[in-house]
């Protein structure tokens, strides 16, 4: 078995491959932000080289990188996750180097977790994540009451907010924007900073159409694995990338934590940034690629007045989401719903205690 580490940096990605003995099987290669297709093609080439000598290849990411695994698995690659306790310390900004990611799997293959499209980046850690979310209930309730979190408190008017995570991701973001333009529906895009850095044209198009552009971190990490400095850097750098498209006054600063991951401490750190946390009420799990009809049905079944709908334009092939979107819009419209950006939803905050 050969292992290929896939690391992220402040400007792009790095890929390095090691053989079963920990020797370099390919020179490290760097890719600029936006070259996700080139990263995938390079890994497929490494897999072919491994197959030519009777070996398999597995890609290894870490828990601070939720940008690539869905697309890599859709391309047929085996993807594993290395968690912080099996890795050396990270640099000031970025994951550990690609060779170190691969070396963690070579050193102890049982220490890395095989991922699947149906389980997502955090496969094997769902119980831990649920426990952390449960422990955050009191802090989250306090944020809701003070207006620093938007979740389940958007009134009873027949209006919903369509939101899209993980982009920009051409051509899928463009297809989604085409549909929104056709129906004159506003939406909110929670963008990943590293993708925003590379795809300015898509951000410009979102802004010109009047959509809201919000923050979804720089590299889509599991936030409880970050330090305070790392988390605030993720938010700050993404704000900077977004500001290049929308200007210095983008309106209310909205932030969605990847996976909804949180602890009381993480929520306090986010509060320090001044951003409003946005969660969701409707989740069709389009990231698992269940088919356009299943995505449409799930949204229509779960929709209620004031709901925030979680969809994705990034993180992999989102053609199913784009194909489902007309049915979602037409179905909700037929039921009397209107559409709004997240920052335009009518908020019905409970009284302070």
Protein backbone atom coordinates (compact mmCIF):
# COMPACT_ATOMS: atom_id res chain seq x y z
CA UNK A 1 0.00 0.00 0.00
CA UNK A 2 1.17 3.50 -0.84
CA UNK A 3 -0.13 6.51 1.03
CA UNK A 4 -0.38 10.01 -0.42
CA UNK A 5 -0.78 12.91 1.99
CA UNK A 6 -2.86 15.87 0.85
CA UNK A 7 -2.13 19.02 2.85
CA UNK A 8 -3.58 22.52 2.69
CA UNK A 9 -1.72 25.81 3.03
CA UNK A 10 -2.56 29.49 2.95
CA UNK A 11 -2.32 29.47 -0.83
CA UNK A 12 -3.25 25.98 -2.01
CA UNK A 13 -2.44 22.31 -1.59
CA UNK A 14 0.55 19.97 -1.34
CA UNK A 15 0.64 16.28 -2.28
CA UNK A 16 3.37 13.78 -1.33
CA UNK A 17 3.43 9.98 -1.64
CA UNK A 18 5.27 7.35 0.42
CA UNK A 19 5.62 3.62 -0.10
CA UNK A 20 4.91 0.98 2.57
CA UNK A 21 8.43 1.41 3.97
CA UNK A 22 8.03 5.19 4.35
CA UNK A 23 10.25 6.03 1.39
CA UNK A 24 9.29 8.77 -1.02
CA UNK A 25 7.30 7.32 -3.92
CA UNK A 26 6.88 10.66 -5.67
CA UNK A 27 8.31 14.13 -5.22
CA UNK A 28 6.02 16.55 -3.34
CA UNK A 29 3.94 18.72 -5.67
CA UNK A 30 2.24 22.01 -4.82
CA UNK A 31 -1.01 23.20 -6.34
CA UNK A 32 -2.48 26.69 -6.22
CA UNK A 33 -5.90 27.34 -4.70
CA UNK A 34 -8.57 26.45 -7.21
CA UNK A 35 -6.64 23.53 -8.69
CA UNK A 36 -8.75 20.84 -7.02
CA UNK A 37 -9.18 19.11 -10.39
CA UNK A 38 -5.43 19.04 -10.87
CA UNK A 39 -4.96 17.59 -7.37
CA UNK A 40 -7.45 14.85 -8.19
CA UNK A 41 -5.81 14.10 -11.54
CA UNK A 42 -2.38 13.92 -9.90
CA UNK A 43 -3.63 11.45 -7.29
CA UNK A 44 -5.25 9.31 -9.97
CA UNK A 45 -1.90 9.30 -11.77
CA UNK A 46 -0.15 8.18 -8.58
CA UNK A 47 -2.73 5.41 -8.23
CA UNK A 48 -2.01 4.21 -11.76
CA UNK A 49 1.73 4.16 -10.99
CA UNK A 50 1.07 2.13 -7.84
CA UNK A 51 -1.18 -0.29 -9.71
CA UNK A 52 1.53 -0.83 -12.32
CA UNK A 53 3.69 -2.46 -9.61
CA UNK A 54 0.81 -4.29 -7.96
CA UNK A 55 0.15 -1.80 -5.15
CA UNK A 56 -2.81 0.29 -4.06
CA UNK A 57 -2.86 3.99 -3.22
CA UNK A 58 -4.76 5.75 -0.44
CA UNK A 59 -5.04 9.51 0.06
CA UNK A 60 -4.71 10.88 3.60
CA UNK A 61 -6.16 14.18 4.80
CA UNK A 62 -6.51 15.54 8.33
CA UNK A 63 -9.47 16.84 10.34
CA UNK A 64 -8.68 20.46 9.43
CA UNK A 65 -9.35 19.73 5.74
CA UNK A 66 -12.96 19.08 4.74
CA UNK A 67 -12.58 20.48 1.24
CA UNK A 68 -11.46 17.52 -0.84
CA UNK A 69 -12.53 14.10 0.40
CA UNK A 70 -15.98 14.08 -1.22
CA UNK A 71 -14.62 14.87 -4.66
CA UNK A 72 -11.69 12.48 -4.29
CA UNK A 73 -13.98 9.61 -3.29
CA UNK A 74 -16.37 10.42 -6.13
CA UNK A 75 -13.38 10.05 -8.47
CA UNK A 76 -12.82 6.55 -7.10
CA UNK A 77 -9.94 7.23 -4.71
CA UNK A 78 -9.66 5.68 -1.26
CA UNK A 79 -9.48 8.46 1.33
CA UNK A 80 -8.44 8.25 4.98
CA UNK A 81 -8.44 10.83 7.78
CA UNK A 82 -5.61 11.32 10.28
CA UNK A 83 -6.63 12.94 13.56
CA UNK A 84 -4.52 15.38 15.64
CA UNK A 85 -3.44 12.79 18.20
CA UNK A 86 -1.55 10.78 15.55
CA UNK A 87 0.11 13.80 13.94
CA UNK A 88 2.90 16.22 14.82
CA UNK A 89 2.05 19.82 15.65
CA UNK A 90 0.61 21.90 12.82
CA UNK A 91 2.34 25.02 11.46
CA UNK A 92 0.94 28.45 12.31
CA UNK A 93 -1.52 28.27 9.40
CA UNK A 94 -2.09 25.07 7.45
CA UNK A 95 -2.24 21.34 8.02
CA UNK A 96 0.85 19.30 8.78
CA UNK A 97 2.99 18.73 5.65
CA UNK A 98 1.74 16.21 3.12
CA UNK A 99 4.59 13.78 3.79
CA UNK A 100 3.73 13.75 7.51
CA UNK A 101 0.11 12.92 6.72
CA UNK A 102 1.25 9.98 4.61
CA UNK A 103 3.79 8.95 7.25
CA UNK A 104 1.10 8.72 9.93
CA UNK A 105 -0.65 6.04 7.86
CA UNK A 106 2.58 4.20 7.08
CA UNK A 107 3.53 4.19 10.75
CA UNK A 108 0.17 2.80 11.92
CA UNK A 109 -2.43 2.06 9.23
CA UNK A 110 -5.01 1.32 11.95
CA UNK A 111 -4.70 4.88 13.29
CA UNK A 112 -6.24 6.49 10.20
CA UNK A 113 -9.95 6.25 9.41
CA UNK A 114 -11.34 5.15 6.05
CA UNK A 115 -13.95 7.64 4.83
CA UNK A 116 -17.03 7.12 2.69
CA UNK A 117 -19.26 9.51 0.76
CA UNK A 118 -22.13 8.47 3.01
CA UNK A 119 -20.18 9.15 6.24
CA UNK A 120 -18.40 12.37 5.25
CA UNK A 121 -15.14 13.80 6.51
CA UNK A 122 -15.88 13.09 10.18
CA UNK A 123 -16.72 9.41 9.76
CA UNK A 124 -15.99 7.57 13.00
CA UNK A 125 -16.24 10.70 15.15
CA UNK A 126 -19.99 11.32 15.02
CA UNK A 127 -20.63 10.27 18.63
CA UNK A 128 -17.88 12.61 19.82
CA UNK A 129 -19.31 15.46 17.75
CA UNK A 130 -22.85 14.91 19.04
CA UNK A 131 -21.60 14.90 22.63
CA UNK A 132 -19.72 18.17 22.05
CA UNK A 133 -22.80 19.75 20.47
CA UNK A 134 -24.96 18.61 23.39
CA UNK A 135 -22.50 20.12 25.85
CA UNK A 136 -22.87 23.46 24.06
CA UNK A 137 -26.64 23.79 24.48
CA UNK A 138 -26.55 26.42 27.22
CA UNK A 139 -23.95 28.58 25.45
CA UNK A 140 -25.88 28.31 22.18
CA UNK A 141 -29.14 29.29 23.86
CA UNK A 142 -27.44 32.35 25.29
CA UNK A 143 -26.21 33.30 21.81
CA UNK A 144 -29.69 32.85 20.34
CA UNK A 145 -31.23 35.07 23.02
CA UNK A 146 -28.66 37.80 22.44
CA UNK A 147 -29.05 37.66 18.65
CA UNK A 148 -25.62 36.16 18.05
CA UNK A 149 -26.97 32.88 16.66
CA UNK A 150 -29.68 32.31 14.07
CA UNK A 151 -31.37 28.95 14.52
CA UNK A 152 -35.02 28.04 14.91
CA UNK A 153 -35.98 31.60 15.79
CA UNK A 154 -37.00 33.08 12.46
CA UNK A 155 -40.71 33.60 13.03
CA UNK A 156 -43.78 32.05 11.45
CA UNK A 157 -44.01 33.92 8.14
CA UNK A 158 -44.00 31.66 5.04
CA UNK A 159 -40.43 32.49 4.04
CA UNK A 160 -37.34 30.29 3.83
CA UNK A 161 -33.64 30.91 3.25
CA UNK A 162 -31.74 28.75 0.78
CA UNK A 163 -28.09 28.44 1.79
CA UNK A 164 -25.18 26.83 -0.02
CA UNK A 165 -21.97 25.69 1.68
CA UNK A 166 -18.38 24.88 0.71
CA UNK A 167 -17.93 26.80 -2.55
CA UNK A 168 -17.23 28.54 -4.76
CA UNK A 169 -16.88 25.42 -6.89
CA UNK A 170 -17.16 25.87 -10.66
CA UNK A 171 -18.98 24.66 -12.66
CA UNK A 172 -21.51 23.64 -9.99
CA UNK A 173 -21.71 27.07 -8.34
CA UNK A 174 -22.38 28.61 -11.76
CA UNK A 175 -25.19 26.14 -12.47
CA UNK A 176 -26.78 26.95 -9.12
CA UNK A 177 -26.47 30.67 -9.78
CA UNK A 178 -28.10 30.15 -13.18
CA UNK A 179 -31.13 28.53 -11.51
CA UNK A 180 -31.38 31.23 -8.85
CA UNK A 181 -31.21 33.90 -11.57
CA UNK A 182 -33.94 32.16 -13.59
CA UNK A 183 -36.35 32.19 -10.67
CA UNK A 184 -35.15 35.52 -9.19
CA UNK A 185 -34.51 33.83 -5.84
CA UNK A 186 -32.00 35.29 -3.36
CA UNK A 187 -29.68 32.94 -1.43
CA UNK A 188 -26.79 32.91 1.00
CA UNK A 189 -23.46 31.31 0.12
CA UNK A 190 -21.24 30.19 3.01
CA UNK A 191 -17.87 30.19 1.28
CA UNK A 192 -14.62 28.41 2.10
CA UNK A 193 -11.77 30.90 2.07
CA UNK A 194 -9.30 28.84 0.05
CA UNK A 195 -11.91 28.43 -2.70
CA UNK A 196 -12.94 32.08 -2.48
CA UNK A 197 -9.30 33.03 -2.98
CA UNK A 198 -9.26 31.18 -6.30
CA UNK A 199 -12.71 31.84 -7.70
CA UNK A 200 -13.19 35.58 -7.60
CA UNK A 201 -15.45 35.55 -10.68
CA UNK A 202 -18.04 33.43 -8.88
CA UNK A 203 -17.93 35.71 -5.83
CA UNK A 204 -18.36 38.76 -8.05
CA UNK A 205 -21.34 37.12 -9.71
CA UNK A 206 -22.94 36.30 -6.34
CA UNK A 207 -22.47 39.89 -5.16
CA UNK A 208 -23.78 41.40 -8.42
CA UNK A 209 -26.92 39.25 -8.19
CA UNK A 210 -27.60 40.42 -4.65
CA UNK A 211 -26.85 37.14 -2.89
CA UNK A 212 -25.31 37.16 0.57
CA UNK A 213 -21.71 35.95 0.83
CA UNK A 214 -20.84 34.58 4.27
CA UNK A 215 -17.98 32.83 6.06
CA UNK A 216 -17.47 29.05 6.28
CA UNK A 217 -13.80 29.04 7.42
CA UNK A 218 -10.67 28.82 5.31
CA UNK A 219 -10.23 25.03 5.03
CA UNK A 220 -13.48 23.52 6.41
CA UNK A 221 -11.95 22.14 9.63
CA UNK A 222 -13.62 20.45 12.56
CA UNK A 223 -13.50 23.46 14.86
CA UNK A 224 -13.00 21.63 18.20
CA UNK A 225 -9.64 20.43 16.85
CA UNK A 226 -8.39 24.01 16.47
CA UNK A 227 -6.77 26.37 18.92
CA UNK A 228 -8.31 29.81 19.52
CA UNK A 229 -5.66 31.44 17.31
CA UNK A 230 -6.22 28.94 14.50
CA UNK A 231 -9.98 29.42 14.59
CA UNK A 232 -9.80 33.21 14.55
CA UNK A 233 -7.24 33.08 11.72
CA UNK A 234 -9.58 30.84 9.71
CA UNK A 235 -12.39 33.37 10.08
CA UNK A 236 -10.24 36.44 9.55
CA UNK A 237 -8.53 35.24 6.39
CA UNK A 238 -11.84 34.14 4.89
CA UNK A 239 -13.37 37.54 5.68
CA UNK A 240 -10.45 39.12 3.80
CA UNK A 241 -10.99 36.90 0.75
CA UNK A 242 -14.71 37.71 0.71
CA UNK A 243 -14.09 41.44 1.15
CA UNK A 244 -12.17 41.52 -2.12
CA UNK A 245 -15.45 40.75 -3.89
CA UNK A 246 -18.03 42.56 -1.77
CA UNK A 247 -15.98 45.48 -0.46
CA UNK A 248 -15.12 46.53 3.06
CA UNK A 249 -18.75 46.71 4.20
CA UNK A 250 -20.29 43.30 3.36
CA UNK A 251 -23.20 43.78 5.77
CA UNK A 252 -23.89 41.57 8.78
CA UNK A 253 -21.04 39.10 9.35
CA UNK A 254 -22.54 35.63 9.23
CA UNK A 255 -20.60 32.44 9.97
CA UNK A 256 -21.55 28.77 9.68
CA UNK A 257 -19.35 26.27 11.53
CA UNK A 258 -18.44 23.27 9.37
CA UNK A 259 -20.55 20.24 10.32
CA UNK A 260 -22.18 22.49 12.92
CA UNK A 261 -19.21 21.45 15.08
CA UNK A 262 -18.97 23.30 18.35
CA UNK A 263 -18.08 23.26 22.02
CA UNK A 264 -18.85 25.99 24.57
CA UNK A 265 -15.28 27.23 24.16
CA UNK A 266 -15.52 27.28 20.35
CA UNK A 267 -18.75 29.28 20.52
CA UNK A 268 -17.10 31.82 22.83
CA UNK A 269 -14.18 32.17 20.42
CA UNK A 270 -16.56 32.72 17.50
CA UNK A 271 -18.30 35.36 19.59
CA UNK A 272 -14.96 37.16 19.94
CA UNK A 273 -14.83 37.51 16.15
CA UNK A 274 -18.09 39.45 16.11
CA UNK A 275 -19.79 37.06 13.68
CA UNK A 276 -23.34 35.75 14.01
CA UNK A 277 -23.51 31.95 13.97
CA UNK A 278 -25.98 30.51 11.45
CA UNK A 279 -27.14 26.91 11.75
CA UNK A 280 -29.94 25.22 9.81
CA UNK A 281 -33.39 23.66 10.12
CA UNK A 282 -33.64 21.64 6.89
CA UNK A 283 -30.93 19.17 5.87
CA UNK A 284 -31.48 16.97 2.79
CA UNK A 285 -27.92 15.57 3.03
CA UNK A 286 -27.21 16.48 -0.58
CA UNK A 287 -23.49 16.02 0.18
CA UNK A 288 -24.12 12.24 0.26
CA UNK A 289 -25.39 12.40 -3.34
CA UNK A 290 -28.74 10.58 -2.83
CA UNK A 291 -30.11 11.77 -6.20
CA UNK A 292 -31.93 14.97 -7.27
CA UNK A 293 -35.40 13.62 -6.52
CA UNK A 294 -34.42 12.57 -2.99
CA UNK A 295 -32.89 15.99 -2.32
CA UNK A 296 -36.02 17.77 -3.53
CA UNK A 297 -38.36 15.54 -1.52
CA UNK A 298 -36.33 15.97 1.66
CA UNK A 299 -36.42 19.77 1.45
CA UNK A 300 -40.16 19.88 0.73
CA UNK A 301 -40.90 17.40 3.52
CA UNK A 302 -38.86 19.29 6.11
CA UNK A 303 -39.65 22.89 5.14
CA UNK A 304 -41.51 25.11 7.57
CA UNK A 305 -41.97 28.87 7.94
CA UNK A 306 -38.70 30.62 8.72
CA UNK A 307 -36.54 27.60 7.91
CA UNK A 308 -32.89 27.80 6.88
CA UNK A 309 -32.21 25.14 4.23
CA UNK A 310 -28.73 23.59 4.10
CA UNK A 311 -27.50 22.76 0.59
CA UNK A 312 -24.01 22.60 -0.94
CA UNK A 313 -22.37 24.04 -4.03
CA UNK A 314 -18.90 22.80 -3.04
CA UNK A 315 -17.13 19.85 -1.49
CA UNK A 316 -17.36 17.67 -4.60
CA UNK A 317 -19.68 17.03 -7.52
CA UNK A 318 -22.82 19.05 -6.82
CA UNK A 319 -24.63 18.39 -10.09
CA UNK A 320 -27.39 16.62 -8.13
CA UNK A 321 -28.00 19.71 -6.02
CA UNK A 322 -28.15 21.91 -9.11
CA UNK A 323 -30.57 19.49 -10.74
CA UNK A 324 -32.76 19.40 -7.61
CA UNK A 325 -32.94 23.17 -7.19
CA UNK A 326 -35.73 23.96 -9.72
CA UNK A 327 -38.01 21.39 -8.09
CA UNK A 328 -37.20 22.81 -4.64
CA UNK A 329 -38.00 26.37 -5.70
CA UNK A 330 -41.15 25.46 -7.62
CA UNK A 331 -42.37 23.13 -4.86
CA UNK A 332 -41.88 25.70 -2.11
CA UNK A 333 -43.42 28.47 -4.23
CA UNK A 334 -46.49 26.31 -4.88
CA UNK A 335 -46.88 25.95 -1.12
CA UNK A 336 -46.91 29.70 -0.65
CA UNK A 337 -43.32 30.24 0.44
CA UNK A 338 -41.17 33.23 -0.44
CA UNK A 339 -37.37 33.32 -0.28
CA UNK A 340 -34.91 35.52 1.58
CA UNK A 341 -31.24 35.83 2.34
CA UNK A 342 -30.31 34.75 5.84
CA UNK A 343 -29.75 38.37 6.91
CA UNK A 344 -33.24 39.25 5.68
CA UNK A 345 -35.15 36.56 7.57
CA UNK A 346 -37.67 37.88 10.09
CA UNK A 347 -36.16 37.04 13.46
CA UNK A 348 -38.47 36.27 16.37
CA UNK A 349 -36.06 36.34 19.31
CA UNK A 350 -37.24 35.02 22.66
CA UNK A 351 -37.24 37.56 25.48
CA UNK A 352 -34.04 37.84 27.48
CA UNK A 353 -34.11 36.15 30.87
